[in-house]
Amino acid sequence: MKNEITYTQQGDYLLPDLKLPEQPKVEIGFWGRRHERYIKQYHKIRYFNFLTSGTLAAYLADIDREAAEMFEKLVNQLAKKEGVTEHLKMENQMSWVGRMNNICNRAIEIINSELIYK
Protein backbone atom coordinates (compact mmCIF):
# COMPACT_ATOMS: atom_id res chain seq x y z
CA MET A 1 0.00 0.00 0.00
CA LYS A 2 1.30 3.40 -0.95
CA ASN A 3 0.97 6.28 1.47
CA GLU A 4 0.93 8.93 -1.18
CA ILE A 5 -1.02 12.05 -0.37
CA THR A 6 -3.05 13.66 -3.12
CA TYR A 7 -4.16 17.27 -3.14
CA THR A 8 -7.03 19.27 -4.58
CA GLN A 9 -6.68 22.90 -5.68
CA GLN A 10 -9.07 25.23 -3.84
CA GLY A 11 -8.42 28.75 -5.08
CA ASP A 12 -4.80 29.55 -4.26
CA TYR A 13 -4.44 26.61 -1.85
CA LEU A 14 -3.69 22.91 -2.21
CA LEU A 15 -5.72 20.94 0.32
CA PRO A 16 -4.96 17.27 1.10
CA ASP A 17 -7.59 14.70 0.10
CA LEU A 18 -8.28 13.03 3.43
CA LYS A 19 -10.63 10.08 3.91
CA LEU A 20 -11.79 8.32 7.04
CA PRO A 21 -11.06 4.60 7.35
CA GLU A 22 -13.90 2.26 6.43
CA GLN A 23 -16.28 1.52 9.29
CA PRO A 24 -17.67 -2.01 9.57
CA LYS A 25 -21.38 -2.32 8.84
CA VAL A 26 -22.97 -3.12 12.20
CA GLU A 27 -26.42 -2.50 13.59
CA ILE A 28 -26.40 0.15 16.31
CA GLY A 29 -29.57 0.45 18.34
CA PHE A 30 -31.17 2.85 20.77
CA TRP A 31 -28.49 2.68 23.47
CA GLY A 32 -25.57 3.00 21.07
CA ARG A 33 -27.10 6.03 19.34
CA ARG A 34 -27.81 7.67 22.70
CA HIS A 35 -24.18 7.17 23.77
CA GLU A 36 -22.94 8.44 20.40
CA ARG A 37 -24.89 11.69 20.81
CA TYR A 38 -23.48 12.08 24.31
CA ILE A 39 -19.79 11.58 23.43
CA LYS A 40 -20.16 13.66 20.27
CA GLN A 41 -21.46 16.58 22.31
CA TYR A 42 -19.51 16.30 25.57
CA HIS A 43 -16.39 14.23 24.74
CA LYS A 44 -15.46 15.47 21.30
CA ILE A 45 -11.83 14.28 21.41
CA ARG A 46 -12.83 10.74 22.36
CA TYR A 47 -15.53 10.74 19.67
CA PHE A 48 -13.13 11.90 16.93
CA ASN A 49 -10.45 9.44 18.08
CA PHE A 50 -12.94 6.58 17.62
CA LEU A 51 -14.13 8.04 14.32
CA THR A 52 -10.70 8.59 12.79
CA SER A 53 -9.35 5.24 13.93
CA GLY A 54 -12.31 3.42 12.35
CA THR A 55 -13.49 1.89 15.63
CA LEU A 56 -16.57 4.03 16.34
CA ALA A 57 -19.16 1.61 14.93
CA ALA A 58 -17.71 -1.39 16.78
CA TYR A 59 -17.48 0.60 20.01
CA LEU A 60 -21.09 1.78 19.76
CA ALA A 61 -22.30 -1.73 18.89
CA ASP A 62 -20.57 -3.05 22.04
CA ILE A 63 -22.15 -0.34 24.20
CA ASP A 64 -25.55 -1.07 22.65
CA ARG A 65 -25.26 -4.82 23.25
CA GLU A 66 -24.00 -4.38 26.82
CA ALA A 67 -26.77 -1.88 27.68
CA ALA A 68 -29.50 -4.09 26.20
CA GLU A 69 -28.28 -7.09 28.21
CA MET A 70 -28.04 -4.96 31.34
CA PHE A 71 -31.59 -3.61 30.82
CA GLU A 72 -33.10 -7.07 30.47
CA LYS A 73 -31.23 -8.36 33.50
CA LEU A 74 -32.18 -5.37 35.67
CA VAL A 75 -35.85 -5.51 34.72
CA ASN A 76 -36.02 -9.24 35.49
CA GLN A 77 -34.22 -8.83 38.82
CA LEU A 78 -36.30 -5.86 39.95
CA ALA A 79 -39.57 -7.49 38.91
CA LYS A 80 -38.68 -10.67 40.78
CA LYS A 81 -37.59 -8.72 43.88
CA GLU A 82 -40.79 -6.67 43.94
CA GLY A 83 -43.15 -9.55 43.18
CA VAL A 84 -44.28 -8.31 39.78
CA THR A 85 -45.29 -11.64 38.25
CA GLU A 86 -47.44 -13.06 35.48
CA HIS A 87 -49.99 -13.92 38.17
CA LEU A 88 -50.27 -10.21 39.06
CA LYS A 89 -50.58 -9.42 35.36
CA MET A 90 -53.58 -11.76 35.05
CA GLU A 91 -55.27 -10.49 38.22
CA ASN A 92 -54.66 -6.74 37.94
CA GLN A 93 -53.29 -5.59 34.59
CA MET A 94 -53.25 -1.87 35.42
CA SER A 95 -51.22 -2.43 38.57
CA TRP A 96 -48.82 -4.69 36.68
CA VAL A 97 -48.36 -2.11 33.88
CA GLY A 98 -47.73 0.70 36.35
CA ARG A 99 -45.22 -1.29 38.34
CA MET A 100 -43.44 -2.56 35.20
CA ASN A 101 -43.21 1.00 33.83
CA ASN A 102 -41.68 2.08 37.13
CA ILE A 103 -39.18 -0.79 36.98
CA CYS A 104 -38.26 -0.03 33.34
CA ASN A 105 -37.74 3.65 34.13
CA ARG A 106 -35.45 2.82 37.03
CA ALA A 107 -33.48 0.38 34.86
CA ILE A 108 -33.08 3.08 32.19
CA GLU A 109 -31.78 5.55 34.79
CA ILE A 110 -29.25 3.02 36.07
CA ILE A 111 -28.01 2.24 32.55
CA ASN A 112 -27.81 5.92 31.67
CA SER A 113 -25.66 6.67 34.71
CA GLU A 114 -23.50 3.52 34.50
CA LEU A 115 -22.95 3.20 30.73
CA ILE A 116 -24.46 5.83 28.49
CA TYR A 117 -23.57 9.15 30.12
CA LYS A 118 -20.19 8.14 31.44
C-alpha atoms as a PDB file:
ATOM      1  CA  MET A   1       0.000   0.000   0.000  1.00  0.00           C
ATOM      2  CA  LYS A   2       1.302   3.399  -0.947  1.00  0.00           C
ATOM      3  CA  ASN A   3       0.966   6.276   1.474  1.00  0.00           C
ATOM      4  CA  GLU A   4       0.935   8.926  -1.184  1.00  0.00           C
ATOM      5  CA  ILE A   5      -1.018  12.051  -0.368  1.00  0.00           C
ATOM      6  CA  THR A   6      -3.047  13.663  -3.118  1.00  0.00           C
ATOM      7  CA  TYR A   7      -4.159  17.270  -3.145  1.00  0.00           C
ATOM      8  CA  THR A   8      -7.033  19.275  -4.582  1.00  0.00           C
ATOM      9  CA  GLN A   9      -6.679  22.901  -5.676  1.00  0.00           C
ATOM     10  CA  GLN A  10      -9.069  25.230  -3.842  1.00  0.00           C
ATOM     11  CA  GLY A  11      -8.422  28.749  -5.083  1.00  0.00           C
ATOM     12  CA  ASP A  12      -4.798  29.548  -4.256  1.00  0.00           C
ATOM     13  CA  TYR A  13      -4.443  26.613  -1.852  1.00  0.00           C
ATOM     14  CA  LEU A  14      -3.689  22.913  -2.209  1.00  0.00           C
ATOM     15  CA  LEU A  15      -5.720  20.938   0.317  1.00  0.00           C
ATOM     16  CA  PRO A  16      -4.965  17.267   1.098  1.00  0.00           C
ATOM     17  CA  ASP A  17      -7.589  14.704   0.101  1.00  0.00           C
ATOM     18  CA  LEU A  18      -8.276  13.025   3.435  1.00  0.00           C
ATOM     19  CA  LYS A  19     -10.634  10.078   3.910  1.00  0.00           C
ATOM     20  CA  LEU A  20     -11.788   8.319   7.042  1.00  0.00           C
ATOM     21  CA  PRO A  21     -11.059   4.603   7.345  1.00  0.00           C
ATOM     22  CA  GLU A  22     -13.896   2.260   6.431  1.00  0.00           C
ATOM     23  CA  GLN A  23     -16.284   1.517   9.288  1.00  0.00           C
ATOM     24  CA  PRO A  24     -17.673  -2.015   9.567  1.00  0.00           C
ATOM     25  CA  LYS A  25     -21.382  -2.320   8.839  1.00  0.00           C
ATOM     26  CA  VAL A  26     -22.968  -3.118  12.203  1.00  0.00           C
ATOM     27  CA  GLU A  27     -26.425  -2.499  13.594  1.00  0.00           C
ATOM     28  CA  ILE A  28     -26.402   0.152  16.308  1.00  0.00           C
ATOM     29  CA  GLY A  29     -29.574   0.450  18.336  1.00  0.00           C
ATOM     30  CA  PHE A  30     -31.166   2.852  20.770  1.00  0.00           C
ATOM     31  CA  TRP A  31     -28.492   2.684  23.469  1.00  0.00           C
ATOM     32  CA  GLY A  32     -25.574   3.002  21.072  1.00  0.00           C
ATOM     33  CA  ARG A  33     -27.102   6.031  19.343  1.00  0.00           C
ATOM     34  CA  ARG A  34     -27.806   7.674  22.697  1.00  0.00           C
ATOM     35  CA  HIS A  35     -24.179   7.166  23.770  1.00  0.00           C
ATOM     36  CA  GLU A  36     -22.943   8.441  20.395  1.00  0.00           C
ATOM     37  CA  ARG A  37     -24.891  11.694  20.814  1.00  0.00           C
ATOM     38  CA  TYR A  38     -23.475  12.081  24.311  1.00  0.00           C
ATOM     39  CA  ILE A  39     -19.794  11.580  23.432  1.00  0.00           C
ATOM     40  CA  LYS A  40     -20.161  13.658  20.268  1.00  0.00           C
ATOM     41  CA  GLN A  41     -21.463  16.582  22.309  1.00  0.00           C
ATOM     42  CA  TYR A  42     -19.505  16.300  25.571  1.00  0.00           C
ATOM     43  CA  HIS A  43     -16.387  14.226  24.744  1.00  0.00           C
ATOM     44  CA  LYS A  44     -15.455  15.467  21.297  1.00  0.00           C
ATOM     45  CA  ILE A  45     -11.831  14.279  21.409  1.00  0.00           C
ATOM     46  CA  ARG A  46     -12.828  10.737  22.359  1.00  0.00           C
ATOM     47  CA  TYR A  47     -15.527  10.743  19.666  1.00  0.00           C
ATOM     48  CA  PHE A  48     -13.134  11.901  16.933  1.00  0.00           C
ATOM     49  CA  ASN A  49     -10.448   9.440  18.079  1.00  0.00           C
ATOM     50  CA  PHE A  50     -12.937   6.582  17.617  1.00  0.00           C
ATOM     51  CA  LEU A  51     -14.132   8.037  14.322  1.00  0.00           C
ATOM     52  CA  THR A  52     -10.698   8.589  12.791  1.00  0.00           C
ATOM     53  CA  SER A  53      -9.349   5.236  13.926  1.00  0.00           C
ATOM     54  CA  GLY A  54     -12.306   3.415  12.346  1.00  0.00           C
ATOM     55  CA  THR A  55     -13.493   1.892  15.631  1.00  0.00           C
ATOM     56  CA  LEU A  56     -16.575   4.034  16.344  1.00  0.00           C
ATOM     57  CA  ALA A  57     -19.156   1.612  14.932  1.00  0.00           C
ATOM     58  CA  ALA A  58     -17.713  -1.394  16.776  1.00  0.00           C
ATOM     59  CA  TYR A  59     -17.476   0.600  20.015  1.00  0.00           C
ATOM     60  CA  LEU A  60     -21.090   1.776  19.760  1.00  0.00           C
ATOM     61  CA  ALA A  61     -22.304  -1.729  18.895  1.00  0.00           C
ATOM     62  CA  ASP A  62     -20.568  -3.054  22.039  1.00  0.00           C
ATOM     63  CA  ILE A  63     -22.150  -0.338  24.198  1.00  0.00           C
ATOM     64  CA  ASP A  64     -25.551  -1.069  22.647  1.00  0.00           C
ATOM     65  CA  ARG A  65     -25.264  -4.815  23.254  1.00  0.00           C
ATOM     66  CA  GLU A  66     -24.004  -4.375  26.818  1.00  0.00           C
ATOM     67  CA  ALA A  67     -26.771  -1.883  27.679  1.00  0.00           C
ATOM     68  CA  ALA A  68     -29.504  -4.094  26.200  1.00  0.00           C
ATOM     69  CA  GLU A  69     -28.283  -7.085  28.206  1.00  0.00           C
ATOM     70  CA  MET A  70     -28.040  -4.962  31.344  1.00  0.00           C
ATOM     71  CA  PHE A  71     -31.587  -3.610  30.817  1.00  0.00           C
ATOM     72  CA  GLU A  72     -33.096  -7.066  30.470  1.00  0.00           C
ATOM     73  CA  LYS A  73     -31.227  -8.359  33.502  1.00  0.00           C
ATOM     74  CA  LEU A  74     -32.176  -5.365  35.672  1.00  0.00           C
ATOM     75  CA  VAL A  75     -35.849  -5.513  34.716  1.00  0.00           C
ATOM     76  CA  ASN A  76     -36.019  -9.241  35.495  1.00  0.00           C
ATOM     77  CA  GLN A  77     -34.215  -8.828  38.818  1.00  0.00           C
ATOM     78  CA  LEU A  78     -36.299  -5.856  39.948  1.00  0.00           C
ATOM     79  CA  ALA A  79     -39.567  -7.495  38.906  1.00  0.00           C
ATOM     80  CA  LYS A  80     -38.681 -10.666  40.785  1.00  0.00           C
ATOM     81  CA  LYS A  81     -37.586  -8.725  43.876  1.00  0.00           C
ATOM     82  CA  GLU A  82     -40.793  -6.667  43.936  1.00  0.00           C
ATOM     83  CA  GLY A  83     -43.146  -9.549  43.181  1.00  0.00           C
ATOM     84  CA  VAL A  84     -44.279  -8.311  39.776  1.00  0.00           C
ATOM     85  CA  THR A  85     -45.287 -11.639  38.249  1.00  0.00           C
ATOM     86  CA  GLU A  86     -47.445 -13.060  35.479  1.00  0.00           C
ATOM     87  CA  HIS A  87     -49.987 -13.916  38.174  1.00  0.00           C
ATOM     88  CA  LEU A  88     -50.274 -10.212  39.062  1.00  0.00           C
ATOM     89  CA  LYS A  89     -50.579  -9.425  35.356  1.00  0.00           C
ATOM     90  CA  MET A  90     -53.579 -11.756  35.048  1.00  0.00           C
ATOM     91  CA  GLU A  91     -55.268 -10.492  38.221  1.00  0.00           C
ATOM     92  CA  ASN A  92     -54.662  -6.738  37.940  1.00  0.00           C
ATOM     93  CA  GLN A  93     -53.292  -5.588  34.590  1.00  0.00           C
ATOM     94  CA  MET A  94     -53.246  -1.866  35.422  1.00  0.00           C
ATOM     95  CA  SER A  95     -51.219  -2.427  38.574  1.00  0.00           C
ATOM     96  CA  TRP A  96     -48.820  -4.691  36.684  1.00  0.00           C
ATOM     97  CA  VAL A  97     -48.365  -2.110  33.882  1.00  0.00           C
ATOM     98  CA  GLY A  98     -47.732   0.700  36.354  1.00  0.00           C
ATOM     99  CA  ARG A  99     -45.221  -1.290  38.342  1.00  0.00           C
ATOM    100  CA  MET A 100     -43.437  -2.561  35.202  1.00  0.00           C
ATOM    101  CA  ASN A 101     -43.213   0.996  33.831  1.00  0.00           C
ATOM    102  CA  ASN A 102     -41.679   2.078  37.126  1.00  0.00           C
ATOM    103  CA  ILE A 103     -39.180  -0.792  36.984  1.00  0.00           C
ATOM    104  CA  CYS A 104     -38.262  -0.030  33.345  1.00  0.00           C
ATOM    105  CA  ASN A 105     -37.741   3.650  34.126  1.00  0.00           C
ATOM    106  CA  ARG A 106     -35.452   2.820  37.032  1.00  0.00           C
ATOM    107  CA  ALA A 107     -33.476   0.385  34.863  1.00  0.00           C
ATOM    108  CA  ILE A 108     -33.081   3.081  32.188  1.00  0.00           C
ATOM    109  CA  GLU A 109     -31.783   5.552  34.792  1.00  0.00           C
ATOM    110  CA  ILE A 110     -29.250   3.016  36.072  1.00  0.00           C
ATOM    111  CA  ILE A 111     -28.012   2.239  32.554  1.00  0.00           C
ATOM    112  CA  ASN A 112     -27.809   5.916  31.668  1.00  0.00           C
ATOM    113  CA  SER A 113     -25.656   6.669  34.711  1.00  0.00           C
ATOM    114  CA  GLU A 114     -23.503   3.524  34.501  1.00  0.00           C
ATOM    115  CA  LEU A 115     -22.947   3.198  30.729  1.00  0.00           C
ATOM    116  CA  ILE A 116     -24.456   5.831  28.491  1.00  0.00           C
ATOM    117  CA  TYR A 117     -23.568   9.147  30.122  1.00  0.00           C
ATOM    118  CA  LYS A 118     -20.189   8.142  31.437  1.00  0.00           C
END
